[in-house]
Amino acid sequence: MKQLVVLASICVVVLVSCAKKEEPVALSEDQRVLLLADLHMAEAAVQHLPPAVKDSMIRVYYDQIFAQYDITQADYDRLMKQLRDDVGELQPLYEKVLEELSRREAVPGG
């Protein structure tokens, strides 16, 4: 019986250690700020469109933005999960995103 418990414990340890761990998205804080600002601007750009067109256009914008930052939708989803899991990182990051959006708004044609 003791051997069975030891074997089961070893199996659990092996399975946990072999579980795929999510790598952090390889974007600097500055890149994250710019990425999120770009995505917010894309969302704002499609707000006036009819729903059917809006959905298609936002996908096009997101794909272009993801290509610009060399990330995928899965990378973005992982980034957002990381940020949701670390609220201490989220608030200061979004303060910088808001600063960036304000800066862009202040620049003519920006």
N, C-alpha and C. Protein backbone atom coordinates (compact mmCIF):
# COMPACT_ATOMS: atom_id res chain seq x y z
N MET A 1 0.82 -1.19 0.00
CA MET A 1 0.00 0.00 0.00
C MET A 1 0.86 1.26 0.00
N LYS A 2 1.94 1.20 0.80
CA LYS A 2 2.83 2.34 0.88
C LYS A 2 3.47 2.60 -0.48
N GLN A 3 3.80 1.54 -1.21
CA GLN A 3 4.41 1.69 -2.53
C GLN A 3 3.43 2.34 -3.51
N LEU A 4 2.17 2.01 -3.38
CA LEU A 4 1.15 2.59 -4.24
C LEU A 4 1.03 4.10 -4.00
N VAL A 5 1.09 4.51 -2.75
CA VAL A 5 1.01 5.93 -2.41
C VAL A 5 2.24 6.66 -2.96
N VAL A 6 3.41 6.06 -2.82
CA VAL A 6 4.64 6.67 -3.33
C VAL A 6 4.57 6.78 -4.85
N LEU A 7 4.12 5.74 -5.51
CA LEU A 7 3.99 5.74 -6.97
C LEU A 7 2.99 6.80 -7.43
N ALA A 8 1.88 6.90 -6.74
CA ALA A 8 0.88 7.90 -7.09
C ALA A 8 1.45 9.30 -6.89
N SER A 9 2.19 9.50 -5.83
CA SER A 9 2.80 10.81 -5.56
C SER A 9 3.80 11.17 -6.65
N ILE A 10 4.59 10.23 -7.06
CA ILE A 10 5.56 10.46 -8.13
C ILE A 10 4.84 10.82 -9.43
N CYS A 11 3.77 10.11 -9.73
CA CYS A 11 3.00 10.39 -10.94
C CYS A 11 2.43 11.82 -10.92
N VAL A 12 1.93 12.23 -9.78
CA VAL A 12 1.39 13.58 -9.66
C VAL A 12 2.49 14.61 -9.87
N VAL A 13 3.63 14.41 -9.26
CA VAL A 13 4.75 15.35 -9.40
C VAL A 13 5.20 15.43 -10.86
N VAL A 14 5.31 14.29 -11.52
CA VAL A 14 5.73 14.27 -12.92
C VAL A 14 4.71 14.98 -13.81
N LEU A 15 3.44 14.71 -13.59
CA LEU A 15 2.40 15.35 -14.40
C LEU A 15 2.38 16.86 -14.19
N VAL A 16 2.51 17.30 -12.97
CA VAL A 16 2.50 18.74 -12.69
C VAL A 16 3.73 19.40 -13.30
N SER A 17 4.89 18.77 -13.20
CA SER A 17 6.10 19.38 -13.73
C SER A 17 6.13 19.37 -15.26
N CYS A 18 5.41 18.45 -15.87
CA CYS A 18 5.36 18.38 -17.33
C CYS A 18 4.27 19.26 -17.92
N ALA A 19 3.41 19.78 -17.09
CA ALA A 19 2.32 20.62 -17.60
C ALA A 19 2.91 21.83 -18.29
N LYS A 20 2.33 22.18 -19.41
CA LYS A 20 2.82 23.31 -20.20
C LYS A 20 2.57 24.60 -19.43
N LYS A 21 3.64 25.31 -19.17
CA LYS A 21 3.53 26.58 -18.48
C LYS A 21 3.49 27.68 -19.53
N GLU A 22 2.61 28.66 -19.31
CA GLU A 22 2.50 29.75 -20.25
C GLU A 22 3.67 30.71 -20.07
N GLU A 23 4.34 30.98 -21.17
CA GLU A 23 5.42 31.94 -21.18
C GLU A 23 4.83 33.34 -21.17
N PRO A 24 5.46 34.27 -20.49
CA PRO A 24 4.97 35.65 -20.57
C PRO A 24 5.13 36.16 -22.00
N VAL A 25 4.24 37.03 -22.41
CA VAL A 25 4.32 37.61 -23.75
C VAL A 25 5.54 38.52 -23.78
N ALA A 26 6.37 38.33 -24.82
CA ALA A 26 7.66 39.03 -24.90
C ALA A 26 7.50 40.44 -25.46
N LEU A 27 6.85 41.30 -24.70
CA LEU A 27 6.72 42.71 -25.06
C LEU A 27 7.18 43.53 -23.87
N SER A 28 7.97 44.55 -24.15
CA SER A 28 8.38 45.44 -23.08
C SER A 28 7.17 46.23 -22.59
N GLU A 29 7.33 46.90 -21.48
CA GLU A 29 6.23 47.70 -20.96
C GLU A 29 5.85 48.79 -21.97
N ASP A 30 6.84 49.41 -22.58
CA ASP A 30 6.56 50.46 -23.58
C ASP A 30 5.78 49.88 -24.77
N GLN A 31 6.15 48.68 -25.21
CA GLN A 31 5.43 48.04 -26.31
C GLN A 31 4.00 47.69 -25.90
N ARG A 32 3.83 47.27 -24.67
CA ARG A 32 2.49 46.95 -24.17
C ARG A 32 1.61 48.20 -24.17
N VAL A 33 2.19 49.30 -23.73
CA VAL A 33 1.45 50.57 -23.71
C VAL A 33 1.03 50.95 -25.12
N LEU A 34 1.96 50.89 -26.06
CA LEU A 34 1.65 51.26 -27.44
C LEU A 34 0.64 50.30 -28.06
N LEU A 35 0.79 49.01 -27.80
CA LEU A 35 -0.14 48.01 -28.31
C LEU A 35 -1.56 48.29 -27.81
N LEU A 36 -1.70 48.47 -26.52
CA LEU A 36 -3.03 48.71 -25.95
C LEU A 36 -3.61 50.03 -26.44
N ALA A 37 -2.78 51.05 -26.59
CA ALA A 37 -3.26 52.33 -27.12
C ALA A 37 -3.73 52.15 -28.57
N ASP A 38 -2.97 51.41 -29.38
CA ASP A 38 -3.38 51.15 -30.76
C ASP A 38 -4.70 50.40 -30.81
N LEU A 39 -4.86 49.42 -29.95
CA LEU A 39 -6.11 48.65 -29.94
C LEU A 39 -7.29 49.51 -29.51
N HIS A 40 -7.08 50.40 -28.56
CA HIS A 40 -8.16 51.29 -28.14
C HIS A 40 -8.53 52.25 -29.27
N MET A 41 -7.53 52.71 -30.00
CA MET A 41 -7.81 53.61 -31.13
C MET A 41 -8.57 52.87 -32.22
N ALA A 42 -8.23 51.61 -32.44
CA ALA A 42 -8.96 50.81 -33.44
C ALA A 42 -10.41 50.64 -33.02
N GLU A 43 -10.63 50.36 -31.74
CA GLU A 43 -12.00 50.23 -31.24
C GLU A 43 -12.78 51.53 -31.44
N ALA A 44 -12.13 52.66 -31.17
CA ALA A 44 -12.80 53.95 -31.33
C ALA A 44 -13.10 54.22 -32.80
N ALA A 45 -12.22 53.78 -33.69
CA ALA A 45 -12.38 54.04 -35.12
C ALA A 45 -13.59 53.32 -35.72
N VAL A 46 -14.01 52.22 -35.12
CA VAL A 46 -15.12 51.46 -35.70
C VAL A 46 -16.44 51.68 -34.98
N GLN A 47 -16.46 52.51 -33.96
CA GLN A 47 -17.67 52.69 -33.17
C GLN A 47 -18.86 53.20 -33.98
N HIS A 48 -18.60 53.99 -35.00
CA HIS A 48 -19.70 54.56 -35.79
C HIS A 48 -20.22 53.62 -36.87
N LEU A 49 -19.57 52.49 -37.08
CA LEU A 49 -19.94 51.58 -38.16
C LEU A 49 -21.11 50.68 -37.76
N PRO A 50 -21.87 50.23 -38.76
CA PRO A 50 -22.94 49.25 -38.46
C PRO A 50 -22.32 47.97 -37.89
N PRO A 51 -23.05 47.25 -37.05
CA PRO A 51 -22.49 46.07 -36.37
C PRO A 51 -21.83 45.05 -37.29
N ALA A 52 -22.44 44.73 -38.41
CA ALA A 52 -21.86 43.71 -39.30
C ALA A 52 -20.51 44.17 -39.86
N VAL A 53 -20.41 45.43 -40.22
CA VAL A 53 -19.17 45.98 -40.75
C VAL A 53 -18.15 46.15 -39.63
N LYS A 54 -18.64 46.60 -38.50
CA LYS A 54 -17.79 46.85 -37.33
C LYS A 54 -17.00 45.59 -36.94
N ASP A 55 -17.67 44.47 -36.87
CA ASP A 55 -17.01 43.22 -36.49
C ASP A 55 -15.91 42.84 -37.46
N SER A 56 -16.18 43.01 -38.75
CA SER A 56 -15.18 42.68 -39.77
C SER A 56 -14.00 43.64 -39.71
N MET A 57 -14.29 44.92 -39.58
CA MET A 57 -13.22 45.92 -39.57
C MET A 57 -12.35 45.80 -38.33
N ILE A 58 -12.94 45.53 -37.19
CA ILE A 58 -12.12 45.43 -35.98
C ILE A 58 -11.17 44.24 -36.09
N ARG A 59 -11.64 43.18 -36.73
CA ARG A 59 -10.76 42.02 -36.94
C ARG A 59 -9.58 42.40 -37.83
N VAL A 60 -9.86 43.16 -38.89
CA VAL A 60 -8.79 43.62 -39.79
C VAL A 60 -7.81 44.49 -39.02
N TYR A 61 -8.32 45.44 -38.24
CA TYR A 61 -7.44 46.31 -37.45
C TYR A 61 -6.61 45.51 -36.46
N TYR A 62 -7.25 44.61 -35.74
CA TYR A 62 -6.52 43.80 -34.76
C TYR A 62 -5.42 42.98 -35.44
N ASP A 63 -5.74 42.37 -36.57
CA ASP A 63 -4.73 41.57 -37.28
C ASP A 63 -3.54 42.43 -37.70
N GLN A 64 -3.81 43.64 -38.18
CA GLN A 64 -2.72 44.54 -38.58
C GLN A 64 -1.89 44.96 -37.37
N ILE A 65 -2.55 45.26 -36.29
CA ILE A 65 -1.83 45.67 -35.07
C ILE A 65 -1.01 44.51 -34.53
N PHE A 66 -1.60 43.33 -34.49
CA PHE A 66 -0.86 42.15 -34.02
C PHE A 66 0.37 41.91 -34.89
N ALA A 67 0.24 42.08 -36.20
CA ALA A 67 1.38 41.89 -37.10
C ALA A 67 2.46 42.94 -36.82
N GLN A 68 2.04 44.15 -36.55
CA GLN A 68 2.99 45.23 -36.26
C GLN A 68 3.83 44.92 -35.03
N TYR A 69 3.22 44.28 -34.03
CA TYR A 69 3.93 43.95 -32.80
C TYR A 69 4.45 42.52 -32.79
N ASP A 70 4.26 41.83 -33.91
CA ASP A 70 4.73 40.45 -34.07
C ASP A 70 4.19 39.53 -32.97
N ILE A 71 2.86 39.65 -32.75
CA ILE A 71 2.19 38.76 -31.82
C ILE A 71 0.97 38.15 -32.50
N THR A 72 0.40 37.16 -31.86
CA THR A 72 -0.81 36.50 -32.37
C THR A 72 -1.98 36.83 -31.44
N GLN A 73 -3.16 36.42 -31.87
CA GLN A 73 -4.34 36.58 -31.00
C GLN A 73 -4.11 35.81 -29.69
N ALA A 74 -3.50 34.63 -29.80
CA ALA A 74 -3.24 33.83 -28.59
C ALA A 74 -2.27 34.57 -27.66
N ASP A 75 -1.26 35.23 -28.23
CA ASP A 75 -0.33 36.01 -27.40
C ASP A 75 -1.07 37.14 -26.69
N TYR A 76 -1.94 37.82 -27.43
CA TYR A 76 -2.72 38.92 -26.85
C TYR A 76 -3.62 38.40 -25.73
N ASP A 77 -4.28 37.28 -25.98
CA ASP A 77 -5.14 36.68 -24.95
C ASP A 77 -4.34 36.33 -23.70
N ARG A 78 -3.12 35.79 -23.89
CA ARG A 78 -2.25 35.46 -22.76
C ARG A 78 -1.84 36.73 -22.01
N LEU A 79 -1.52 37.77 -22.78
CA LEU A 79 -1.14 39.04 -22.15
C LEU A 79 -2.28 39.58 -21.30
N MET A 80 -3.49 39.56 -21.84
CA MET A 80 -4.62 40.07 -21.09
C MET A 80 -4.89 39.22 -19.85
N LYS A 81 -4.70 37.92 -19.96
CA LYS A 81 -4.86 37.04 -18.78
C LYS A 81 -3.81 37.38 -17.73
N GLN A 82 -2.56 37.60 -18.17
CA GLN A 82 -1.51 37.97 -17.23
C GLN A 82 -1.85 39.27 -16.51
N LEU A 83 -2.37 40.22 -17.27
CA LEU A 83 -2.71 41.51 -16.67
C LEU A 83 -3.89 41.39 -15.71
N ARG A 84 -4.87 40.57 -16.07
CA ARG A 84 -6.01 40.36 -15.17
C ARG A 84 -5.57 39.67 -13.89
N ASP A 85 -4.59 38.76 -14.02
CA ASP A 85 -4.11 38.02 -12.85
C ASP A 85 -3.21 38.87 -11.95
N ASP A 86 -2.63 39.94 -12.52
CA ASP A 86 -1.73 40.80 -11.76
C ASP A 86 -2.26 42.23 -11.80
N VAL A 87 -3.28 42.48 -11.00
CA VAL A 87 -3.94 43.79 -11.00
C VAL A 87 -2.95 44.89 -10.65
N GLY A 88 -1.94 44.57 -9.86
CA GLY A 88 -0.92 45.55 -9.51
C GLY A 88 -0.16 46.06 -10.72
N GLU A 89 -0.07 45.26 -11.75
CA GLU A 89 0.58 45.67 -13.00
C GLU A 89 -0.41 46.37 -13.92
N LEU A 90 -1.66 45.98 -13.85
CA LEU A 90 -2.68 46.49 -14.77
C LEU A 90 -2.92 47.99 -14.62
N GLN A 91 -3.13 48.45 -13.40
CA GLN A 91 -3.48 49.86 -13.20
C GLN A 91 -2.37 50.81 -13.66
N PRO A 92 -1.11 50.61 -13.25
CA PRO A 92 -0.06 51.52 -13.73
C PRO A 92 0.11 51.46 -15.25
N LEU A 93 -0.08 50.28 -15.82
CA LEU A 93 0.04 50.14 -17.27
C LEU A 93 -1.05 50.95 -17.97
N TYR A 94 -2.28 50.83 -17.48
CA TYR A 94 -3.38 51.56 -18.11
C TYR A 94 -3.28 53.06 -17.87
N GLU A 95 -2.64 53.48 -16.81
CA GLU A 95 -2.39 54.91 -16.62
C GLU A 95 -1.48 55.41 -17.74
N LYS A 96 -0.48 54.61 -18.09
CA LYS A 96 0.42 54.97 -19.19
C LYS A 96 -0.29 54.92 -20.54
N VAL A 97 -1.20 53.96 -20.70
CA VAL A 97 -1.99 53.87 -21.93
C VAL A 97 -2.83 55.15 -22.09
N LEU A 98 -3.47 55.58 -21.01
CA LEU A 98 -4.27 56.80 -21.06
C LEU A 98 -3.40 58.02 -21.36
N GLU A 99 -2.20 58.07 -20.81
CA GLU A 99 -1.27 59.16 -21.12
C GLU A 99 -0.91 59.15 -22.60
N GLU A 100 -0.67 57.96 -23.14
CA GLU A 100 -0.33 57.82 -24.56
C GLU A 100 -1.49 58.26 -25.44
N LEU A 101 -2.70 57.85 -25.08
CA LEU A 101 -3.87 58.24 -25.87
C LEU A 101 -4.06 59.76 -25.80
N SER A 102 -3.85 60.36 -24.65
CA SER A 102 -3.96 61.81 -24.51
C SER A 102 -2.89 62.51 -25.34
N ARG A 103 -1.70 61.96 -25.34
CA ARG A 103 -0.59 62.53 -26.15
C ARG A 103 -0.96 62.50 -27.63
N ARG A 104 -1.49 61.36 -28.09
CA ARG A 104 -1.87 61.23 -29.50
C ARG A 104 -3.00 62.20 -29.86
N GLU A 105 -3.92 62.38 -28.94
CA GLU A 105 -5.04 63.27 -29.19
C GLU A 105 -4.57 64.71 -29.32
N ALA A 106 -3.53 65.07 -28.57
CA ALA A 106 -3.01 66.43 -28.58
C ALA A 106 -2.20 66.74 -29.83
N VAL A 107 -1.68 65.71 -30.49
CA VAL A 107 -0.87 65.90 -31.69
C VAL A 107 -1.79 66.05 -32.90
N PRO A 108 -1.66 67.13 -33.68
CA PRO A 108 -2.52 67.28 -34.87
C PRO A 108 -2.33 66.10 -35.82
N GLY A 109 -3.45 65.51 -36.22
CA GLY A 109 -3.42 64.36 -37.12
C GLY A 109 -3.00 63.08 -36.43
N GLY A 110 -2.82 63.10 -35.10
CA GLY A 110 -2.30 61.97 -34.37
C GLY A 110 -3.35 61.10 -33.87
